[in-house]
C-alpha cells in the first residue's frame, strides 16, 4: 500500500525579499527587494542610528568567530523584522494586485533606473559605467519611446536594431574639435551591448521577463566579440628621452614617469594621498586599493619612482600626492606635445606608462608571476599579454636586421 503523500503548507510568495550585497572587505550589506508604486525598488537597511546593516566576516579565533556569528544572527533577525514590517506596508497599501500587473508591464525605463541604482553599489566602477552607457545609448536611439516601451516588448529584433545603432553611432566634436566626427570603436560597442545583455539577464533572474531576447543572437553568432587591442608601451630609450625632455606641464611629466616606474593607473594616481606612502625602514612602500578592480596593492617604490614624486613640503597626510593634475583630455594633449618634442613617433595615452612598467619589468628579468602581483592583476593571463608583446618586439628587431642587409649579397 502506497504511503499517503505528506501534506505540505503552500508556499507563500514574499512580496518583499531580503538580498545581500558582497562588499570589497568581505562583509555583506543587506537590502530589501520589493515593488514600490508598481515598480521594482531596492532599499538598503539601516539600524536605529542610521548605520547600514551589515554581516561581518566570520573570521578570527574560535571565540571571536562565535561572537561574530551571534552578532550576525541578531542582525539577520533584525533584517527579517524590517522585511515583515515593509511587506505589511505593501499589502496595506493595496499593491498586491499592482505587483502582478507591474511584472508584465514594467517599463524599460523603470527597470534600467533600478538596475543603475544596484550598479552604484557594485564593488567595481566598471558595472556602473557600463549601465550608464547602456542608458545613454538607449535614450539616444529610442528618443521619447524610451519612456513608454515595456520590458516585455523587447524582442530579438529590437536587440538587433540596438546593436546596429551602436555600430553606426557617431557624434560631432565640440569647441576646437567641432569639425571632427567621433565614431564608436568595435570594443566600445562590445562593452555597451554586453552591459545591455547583463541588464536583461538580471531581469530574467528577477522574474520580470521569462527569457533574454539576445540569446538567439548568441546562438546565431550575431553578438559582437571583443577584439584584442595592441597595448602600446615605451622602450627604455624612449623613457630616457622623455626624462630628458622638458614638458609644458611638469606635474604631468612627474605623474607619467612615476607610473612608468610603479605601474599605477591614472585613476589611482589622481586619488593617491601622502598617507598611502608608507615608511618602511629605509624604504618607501605604496599601499593602495586600486580604483578599477578594488584589489589591494602593497609594493616597494624604486628609486626612480621616488625621484619623480613631487616634494611633500609640509602637505597633510590626506593631501593628494599629485594634486593639481588637469583633466584627462588636457593630459592627453600634453603627452602628445611632450612626446613629439622628445622625438617619439608613437601615439600613446597615459595608460601606456602602466604597460611600460610591465614590459620593462619583464625585460629586466622579473618573473611573470611577480609582475602580475605588482600590477595588481587578478589573472596571470592578463600579464601574459605583456610577455607576448615583448616577443613581438624582439621578432620585429630581428626582422629589421634582415631588412638593413637585404641588398647585400651573401
Protein backbone atom coordinates (compact mmCIF):
# COMPACT_ATOMS: atom_id res chain seq x y z
CA UNK A 1 0.00 0.00 0.00
CA UNK A 2 1.43 3.32 -1.06
CA UNK A 3 2.16 5.80 1.63
CA UNK A 4 -0.15 8.79 1.65
CA UNK A 5 1.58 11.90 0.48
CA UNK A 6 2.61 14.19 3.26
CA UNK A 7 0.59 17.36 3.23
CA UNK A 8 2.68 20.47 2.98
CA UNK A 9 1.64 24.02 3.54
CA UNK A 10 1.52 26.05 0.34
CA UNK A 11 4.46 28.35 -0.08
CA UNK A 12 3.62 31.99 0.37
CA UNK A 13 5.47 34.13 -2.13
CA UNK A 14 7.18 37.04 -0.45
CA UNK A 15 6.41 40.46 -1.87
CA UNK A 16 9.49 41.86 -0.13
CA UNK A 17 12.68 39.81 -0.12
CA UNK A 18 15.97 40.14 1.71
CA UNK A 19 19.04 40.40 -0.52
CA UNK A 20 22.74 40.66 0.22
CA UNK A 21 25.48 42.67 -1.47
CA UNK A 22 29.08 41.47 -1.21
CA UNK A 23 31.45 44.29 -0.24
CA UNK A 24 35.14 44.66 -1.05
CA UNK A 25 36.18 43.87 2.53
CA UNK A 26 34.20 40.61 2.60
CA UNK A 27 31.27 42.00 4.60
CA UNK A 28 27.72 41.84 3.20
CA UNK A 29 25.26 44.72 3.22
CA UNK A 30 21.56 43.88 3.49
CA UNK A 31 18.81 45.36 1.34
CA UNK A 32 15.17 44.73 0.50
CA UNK A 33 13.95 43.85 -2.97
CA UNK A 34 10.35 45.00 -3.36
CA UNK A 35 7.76 46.58 -5.62
CA UNK A 36 7.03 50.20 -4.86
CA UNK A 37 4.31 52.08 -6.77
CA UNK A 38 4.23 49.21 -9.27
CA UNK A 39 7.99 49.40 -9.87
CA UNK A 40 10.86 47.28 -8.65
CA UNK A 41 12.89 49.05 -5.98
CA UNK A 42 15.82 48.35 -3.67
CA UNK A 43 16.05 49.65 -0.11
CA UNK A 44 19.23 49.21 1.92
CA UNK A 45 18.53 48.52 5.58
CA UNK A 46 19.82 50.68 8.44
CA UNK A 47 19.72 50.42 12.21
CA UNK A 48 18.07 52.90 14.57
CA UNK A 49 21.17 55.12 14.38
CA UNK A 50 21.10 55.30 10.60
CA UNK A 51 24.06 52.96 10.10
CA UNK A 52 23.86 50.32 7.35
CA UNK A 53 23.06 46.79 8.47
CA UNK A 54 25.96 44.53 7.56
CA UNK A 55 27.03 40.96 8.17
CA UNK A 56 30.63 40.75 9.35
CA UNK A 57 33.21 38.27 8.07
CA UNK A 58 33.24 35.23 10.35
CA UNK A 59 36.97 35.07 10.89
CA UNK A 60 39.43 35.09 13.77
CA UNK A 61 39.90 32.98 16.89
CA UNK A 62 37.18 30.42 17.82
CA UNK A 63 35.81 32.81 20.46
CA UNK A 64 35.82 35.70 18.02
CA UNK A 65 34.04 33.65 15.34
CA UNK A 66 31.43 32.57 17.89
CA UNK A 67 30.80 36.18 18.90
CA UNK A 68 30.59 37.34 15.26
CA UNK A 69 28.13 34.53 14.40
CA UNK A 70 25.94 35.53 17.32
CA UNK A 71 26.10 39.16 16.22
CA UNK A 72 25.27 38.27 12.58
CA UNK A 73 22.35 36.12 13.71
CA UNK A 74 20.97 39.09 15.66
CA UNK A 75 21.36 41.33 12.59
CA UNK A 76 19.51 38.78 10.41
CA UNK A 77 16.62 38.67 12.89
CA UNK A 78 16.51 42.47 12.81
CA UNK A 79 16.52 42.43 8.99
CA UNK A 80 13.68 39.90 8.90
CA UNK A 81 11.67 42.05 11.28
CA UNK A 82 12.16 45.04 8.98
CA UNK A 83 11.23 42.91 5.97
CA UNK A 84 7.96 41.75 7.56
CA UNK A 85 7.06 45.32 8.51
CA UNK A 86 7.82 46.54 4.97
CA UNK A 87 5.76 43.76 3.41
CA UNK A 88 2.86 44.69 5.66
CA UNK A 89 3.08 48.23 4.30
CA UNK A 90 2.94 46.91 0.75
CA UNK A 91 -0.15 44.80 1.46
CA UNK A 92 -1.94 47.56 3.36
CA UNK A 93 -1.37 49.98 0.51
CA UNK A 94 -3.15 47.58 -1.81
CA UNK A 95 -0.17 46.86 -4.01
CA UNK A 96 -0.56 43.10 -4.13
CA UNK A 97 -2.56 43.29 -7.36
CA UNK A 98 -0.30 46.01 -8.72
CA UNK A 99 2.71 43.73 -8.30
CA UNK A 100 1.31 41.10 -10.66
CA UNK A 101 0.46 43.73 -13.23
CA UNK A 102 3.80 45.50 -12.91
CA UNK A 103 5.78 42.36 -13.68
CA UNK A 104 4.22 42.06 -17.09
CA UNK A 105 4.06 45.79 -17.81
CA UNK A 106 7.23 47.17 -16.23
CA UNK A 107 8.70 49.91 -18.36
CA UNK A 108 12.21 49.53 -19.75
CA UNK A 109 12.99 52.95 -18.27
CA UNK A 110 11.98 51.84 -14.76
CA UNK A 111 13.97 48.63 -14.95
CA UNK A 112 17.07 50.46 -16.17
CA UNK A 113 16.73 53.05 -13.38
CA UNK A 114 16.61 50.30 -10.75
CA UNK A 115 19.47 48.42 -12.40
CA UNK A 116 21.56 51.60 -12.32
CA UNK A 117 20.88 52.05 -8.59
CA UNK A 118 22.01 48.49 -7.95
CA UNK A 119 25.12 49.03 -10.11
CA UNK A 120 26.03 52.02 -7.95
CA UNK A 121 26.51 49.64 -5.02
CA UNK A 122 28.88 47.42 -7.01
CA UNK A 123 32.41 46.85 -5.70
CA UNK A 124 33.84 47.93 -9.07
CA UNK A 125 33.26 51.07 -11.13
CA UNK A 126 33.02 49.20 -14.44
CA UNK A 127 29.49 47.89 -13.80
CA UNK A 128 28.22 51.38 -13.01
CA UNK A 129 29.91 52.93 -16.06
CA UNK A 130 28.56 50.19 -18.32
CA UNK A 131 24.99 50.59 -17.02
CA UNK A 132 25.25 54.36 -17.51
CA UNK A 133 26.48 53.86 -21.10
CA UNK A 134 23.60 51.47 -21.88
CA UNK A 135 21.04 54.00 -20.63
CA UNK A 136 22.70 56.82 -22.61
CA UNK A 137 22.64 54.91 -25.90
CA UNK A 138 19.11 53.58 -25.41
CA UNK A 139 17.92 57.18 -24.94
CA UNK A 140 19.96 58.38 -27.95
CA UNK A 141 18.46 55.68 -30.14
CA UNK A 142 14.87 55.48 -28.88
CA UNK A 143 14.19 59.11 -28.08
CA UNK A 144 10.79 59.63 -26.40
CA UNK A 145 9.91 55.94 -26.85
CA UNK A 146 12.44 55.09 -24.13
CA UNK A 147 9.88 56.32 -21.57
CA UNK A 148 6.97 54.22 -22.87
CA UNK A 149 8.31 50.84 -24.06
CA UNK A 150 7.58 47.93 -21.72
CA UNK A 151 10.35 45.49 -20.90
CA UNK A 152 8.37 42.50 -22.19
CA UNK A 153 8.02 44.24 -25.59
CA UNK A 154 11.75 43.94 -26.20
CA UNK A 155 12.33 41.09 -28.62
CA UNK A 156 15.32 39.81 -30.60
CA UNK A 157 14.67 42.20 -33.50
CA UNK A 158 14.75 45.11 -31.04
CA UNK A 159 18.13 43.91 -29.78
CA UNK A 160 19.49 43.52 -33.32
CA UNK A 161 18.38 47.06 -34.16
CA UNK A 162 20.03 48.42 -31.00
CA UNK A 163 23.28 46.67 -31.91
CA UNK A 164 23.08 48.17 -35.41
CA UNK A 165 22.67 51.62 -33.83
CA UNK A 166 25.80 51.08 -31.72
CA UNK A 167 27.83 50.04 -34.77
CA UNK A 168 26.78 53.19 -36.67
CA UNK A 169 26.83 55.64 -33.75
CA UNK A 170 28.80 58.85 -34.22
CA UNK A 171 28.94 62.28 -32.62
CA UNK A 172 30.36 65.64 -33.61
CA UNK A 173 33.23 67.17 -31.68
CA UNK A 174 32.91 70.30 -29.60
CA UNK A 175 34.90 73.51 -29.24
CA UNK A 176 38.23 73.33 -31.03
CA UNK A 177 37.31 69.86 -32.35
CA UNK A 178 33.92 70.91 -33.77
CA UNK A 179 34.98 69.81 -37.27
CA UNK A 180 35.72 66.25 -36.16
CA UNK A 181 33.36 63.27 -36.10
CA UNK A 182 33.89 60.57 -33.48
CA UNK A 183 32.71 57.00 -34.03
CA UNK A 184 32.30 54.21 -31.53
CA UNK A 185 35.12 51.67 -31.59
CA UNK A 186 34.36 47.98 -32.01
CA UNK A 187 35.33 47.23 -28.41
CA UNK A 188 33.20 50.07 -27.02
CA UNK A 189 30.29 48.64 -28.96
CA UNK A 190 31.08 45.22 -27.49
CA UNK A 191 31.12 46.54 -23.90
CA UNK A 192 27.88 48.55 -24.22
CA UNK A 193 26.00 45.60 -25.70
CA UNK A 194 27.50 43.31 -23.07
CA UNK A 195 26.08 45.67 -20.45
CA UNK A 196 22.69 45.55 -22.20
CA UNK A 197 22.73 41.75 -22.11
CA UNK A 198 23.62 41.83 -18.40
CA UNK A 199 20.62 44.08 -17.71
CA UNK A 200 18.34 41.61 -19.46
CA UNK A 201 19.93 38.63 -17.69
CA UNK A 202 19.18 40.32 -14.38
CA UNK A 203 15.56 40.89 -15.45
CA UNK A 204 15.25 37.15 -16.19
CA UNK A 205 16.77 36.24 -12.83
CA UNK A 206 14.32 38.55 -11.04
CA UNK A 207 11.35 37.07 -12.91
CA UNK A 208 10.45 40.29 -14.73
CA UNK A 209 10.83 38.60 -18.14
CA UNK A 210 10.95 34.90 -18.95
CA UNK A 211 13.99 34.81 -21.25
CA UNK A 212 16.77 37.01 -22.55
CA UNK A 213 15.85 38.19 -26.08
CA UNK A 214 19.54 38.39 -27.04
CA UNK A 215 20.05 34.62 -26.58
CA UNK A 216 19.03 33.78 -30.20
CA UNK A 217 21.71 36.26 -31.35
CA UNK A 218 24.26 34.30 -29.36
CA UNK A 219 23.13 31.04 -30.91
CA UNK A 220 23.38 32.56 -34.41
CA UNK A 221 26.80 34.11 -33.80
CA UNK A 222 25.49 37.68 -34.14
CA UNK A 223 26.88 39.03 -30.87
CA UNK A 224 29.89 41.38 -31.11
CA UNK A 225 33.19 39.91 -29.99
CA UNK A 226 35.95 41.69 -28.16
CA UNK A 227 38.97 42.49 -30.31
CA UNK A 228 42.46 42.23 -28.88
CA UNK A 229 43.85 45.77 -28.75
CA UNK A 230 47.56 46.32 -29.22
CA UNK A 231 48.92 47.60 -25.92
CA UNK A 232 51.27 50.49 -26.61
CA UNK A 233 54.38 50.71 -24.44
CA UNK A 234 57.63 52.66 -24.44
CA UNK A 235 61.10 51.24 -24.67
CA UNK A 236 63.80 52.11 -22.12
CA UNK A 237 65.38 54.52 -24.62
CA UNK A 238 62.05 56.26 -25.20
CA UNK A 239 61.51 56.66 -21.46
CA UNK A 240 65.01 58.15 -21.18
CA UNK A 241 64.17 60.58 -23.99
CA UNK A 242 61.06 61.73 -22.12
CA UNK A 243 63.05 62.12 -18.90
CA UNK A 244 65.48 64.41 -20.70
CA UNK A 245 62.80 66.49 -22.50
CA UNK A 246 61.01 69.46 -20.97
CA UNK A 247 57.23 69.14 -20.64
CA UNK A 248 54.78 72.05 -20.74
CA UNK A 249 53.15 70.76 -17.55
CA UNK A 250 55.86 69.45 -15.16
CA UNK A 251 53.26 67.71 -12.96
CA UNK A 252 52.03 65.64 -15.92
CA UNK A 253 55.64 64.66 -16.62
CA UNK A 254 56.16 63.62 -12.99
CA UNK A 255 52.93 61.62 -12.87
CA UNK A 256 53.61 59.82 -16.17
CA UNK A 257 57.18 58.85 -15.28
CA UNK A 258 56.07 57.85 -11.76
CA UNK A 259 53.61 55.46 -13.41
CA UNK A 260 56.35 54.12 -15.70
CA UNK A 261 58.25 53.02 -12.59
CA UNK A 262 55.38 51.73 -10.43
CA UNK A 263 52.56 50.84 -12.86
CA UNK A 264 49.70 52.81 -11.26
CA UNK A 265 46.74 53.77 -13.43
CA UNK A 266 45.93 57.46 -13.88
CA UNK A 267 42.76 57.00 -11.76
CA UNK A 268 44.85 55.68 -8.85
CA UNK A 269 47.48 58.39 -9.26
CA UNK A 270 44.82 61.11 -9.12
CA UNK A 271 43.46 59.81 -5.81
CA UNK A 272 46.86 58.92 -4.31
CA UNK A 273 47.36 60.58 -0.91
CA UNK A 274 50.52 61.03 1.14
CA UNK A 275 49.17 58.62 3.73
CA UNK A 276 49.28 55.91 1.05
CA UNK A 277 53.09 56.19 1.01
CA UNK A 278 54.39 54.19 3.99
CA UNK A 279 57.85 54.46 5.53
CA UNK A 280 59.44 51.02 5.99
CA UNK A 281 62.95 51.44 7.39
CA UNK A 282 64.96 52.98 4.57
CA UNK A 283 62.29 52.15 2.00
CA UNK A 284 59.05 53.76 0.88
CA UNK A 285 56.12 51.48 0.12
CA UNK A 286 52.91 52.10 -1.75
CA UNK A 287 49.73 50.82 -0.05
CA UNK A 288 46.53 51.45 -2.01
CA UNK A 289 43.31 49.81 -3.09
CA UNK A 290 43.07 50.13 -6.86
CA UNK A 291 40.01 52.02 -8.04
CA UNK A 292 39.20 49.85 -11.05
CA UNK A 293 39.47 46.37 -9.53
CA UNK A 294 39.23 47.15 -5.78
CA UNK A 295 42.34 44.96 -5.40
CA UNK A 296 44.81 45.91 -2.62
CA UNK A 297 48.36 46.73 -3.71
CA UNK A 298 51.40 46.87 -1.44
CA UNK A 299 54.73 47.37 -3.15
CA UNK A 300 58.15 48.97 -2.61
CA UNK A 301 58.80 52.13 -4.60
CA UNK A 302 62.08 52.03 -6.51
CA UNK A 303 64.43 55.00 -6.58
CA UNK A 304 63.19 56.21 -9.98
CA UNK A 305 59.55 56.25 -8.85
CA UNK A 306 60.55 58.18 -5.73
CA UNK A 307 62.62 60.62 -7.80
CA UNK A 308 59.57 61.59 -9.89
CA UNK A 309 57.26 62.12 -6.91
CA UNK A 310 56.53 65.78 -6.08
CA UNK A 311 58.09 67.18 -2.90
CA UNK A 312 55.76 66.91 0.06
CA UNK A 313 56.78 70.23 1.64
CA UNK A 314 54.51 70.04 4.71
CA UNK A 315 51.44 68.66 2.92
CA UNK A 316 48.89 66.88 5.14
CA UNK A 317 48.57 63.10 5.06
CA UNK A 318 45.20 63.42 3.33
CA UNK A 319 46.52 65.78 0.64
CA UNK A 320 46.91 64.43 -2.88
CA UNK A 321 50.46 63.50 -3.93
CA UNK A 322 49.79 64.71 -7.48
CA UNK A 323 47.21 67.35 -6.59
CA UNK A 324 46.54 69.76 -9.44
CA UNK A 325 46.63 67.33 -12.38
CA UNK A 326 44.43 68.55 -15.24
CA UNK A 327 41.56 66.58 -16.77
CA UNK A 328 42.29 63.55 -18.96
CA UNK A 329 41.76 65.43 -22.25
CA UNK A 330 44.34 68.06 -21.26
CA UNK A 331 46.74 65.35 -20.09
CA UNK A 332 46.40 63.67 -23.49
CA UNK A 333 47.24 66.86 -25.38
CA UNK A 334 50.20 67.49 -23.08
CA UNK A 335 51.54 63.97 -23.64
CA UNK A 336 51.32 64.32 -27.42
CA UNK A 337 53.25 67.60 -27.45
CA UNK A 338 55.84 66.28 -24.98
CA UNK A 339 56.44 63.02 -26.86
CA UNK A 340 56.76 64.90 -30.15
CA UNK A 341 59.38 67.17 -28.59
CA UNK A 342 61.23 64.05 -27.39
CA UNK A 343 61.28 62.65 -30.95
CA UNK A 344 58.86 59.78 -30.20
CA UNK A 345 56.52 58.93 -33.08
CA UNK A 346 54.23 56.57 -31.16
CA UNK A 347 50.69 57.76 -30.46
CA UNK A 348 50.05 56.77 -26.85
CA UNK A 349 47.89 57.67 -23.86
CA UNK A 350 48.74 57.91 -20.17
CA UNK A 351 47.90 54.22 -19.79
CA UNK A 352 51.00 53.40 -21.86
CA UNK A 353 53.01 54.19 -18.71
CA UNK A 354 51.42 51.20 -16.97
CA UNK A 355 52.17 48.97 -19.96
CA UNK A 356 55.72 50.32 -19.94
CA UNK A 357 56.20 49.34 -16.30
CA UNK A 358 55.09 45.77 -17.09
CA UNK A 359 57.29 45.33 -20.16
CA UNK A 360 60.35 46.96 -18.56
CA UNK A 361 59.95 44.68 -15.53
CA UNK A 362 59.67 41.55 -17.68
CA UNK A 363 62.55 42.66 -19.89
CA UNK A 364 64.76 43.14 -16.83
CA UNK A 365 64.24 39.51 -15.85
CA UNK A 366 61.42 39.75 -13.31
CA UNK A 367 59.29 36.59 -13.48
CA UNK A 368 55.76 36.92 -14.81
CA UNK A 369 54.10 35.88 -11.53
CA UNK A 370 55.83 38.71 -9.62
CA UNK A 371 54.94 41.23 -12.34
CA UNK A 372 51.33 40.07 -12.13
CA UNK A 373 51.29 40.81 -8.40
CA UNK A 374 52.97 44.20 -8.88
CA UNK A 375 50.35 45.13 -11.49
CA UNK A 376 47.51 44.00 -9.25
CA UNK A 377 46.18 41.62 -11.89
CA UNK A 378 43.57 39.09 -10.80
CA UNK A 379 44.61 36.67 -13.55
CA UNK A 380 48.03 35.59 -14.80
CA UNK A 381 46.58 35.51 -18.33
CA UNK A 382 46.29 39.31 -18.26
CA UNK A 383 50.00 39.65 -17.53
CA UNK A 384 50.86 37.10 -20.21
CA UNK A 385 49.79 39.65 -22.83
CA UNK A 386 52.84 41.77 -21.95
CA UNK A 387 55.17 38.82 -22.39
CA UNK A 388 53.69 38.28 -25.85
CA UNK A 389 54.25 41.97 -26.64
CA UNK A 390 57.94 41.59 -25.80
CA UNK A 391 58.22 38.54 -28.06
CA UNK A 392 56.63 40.51 -30.91
CA UNK A 393 59.05 43.39 -30.28
CA UNK A 394 62.03 41.01 -30.38
CA UNK A 395 60.78 39.43 -33.61
CA UNK A 396 60.44 42.88 -35.19
CA UNK A 397 64.01 43.74 -34.14
CA UNK A 398 65.32 40.60 -35.86
CA UNK A 399 63.33 41.40 -39.00
CA UNK A 400 64.77 44.94 -39.09
CA UNK A 401 68.28 43.49 -39.12
CA UNK A 402 67.30 41.42 -42.14
CA UNK A 403 65.93 44.50 -43.89
CA UNK A 404 69.10 46.51 -43.25
CA UNK A 405 71.32 43.97 -45.01
CA UNK A 406 68.78 42.73 -47.61
CA UNK A 407 70.61 44.44 -50.50
CA UNK A 408 73.96 42.92 -49.63
CA UNK A 409 74.65 39.62 -51.36
CA UNK A 410 75.73 36.56 -49.42
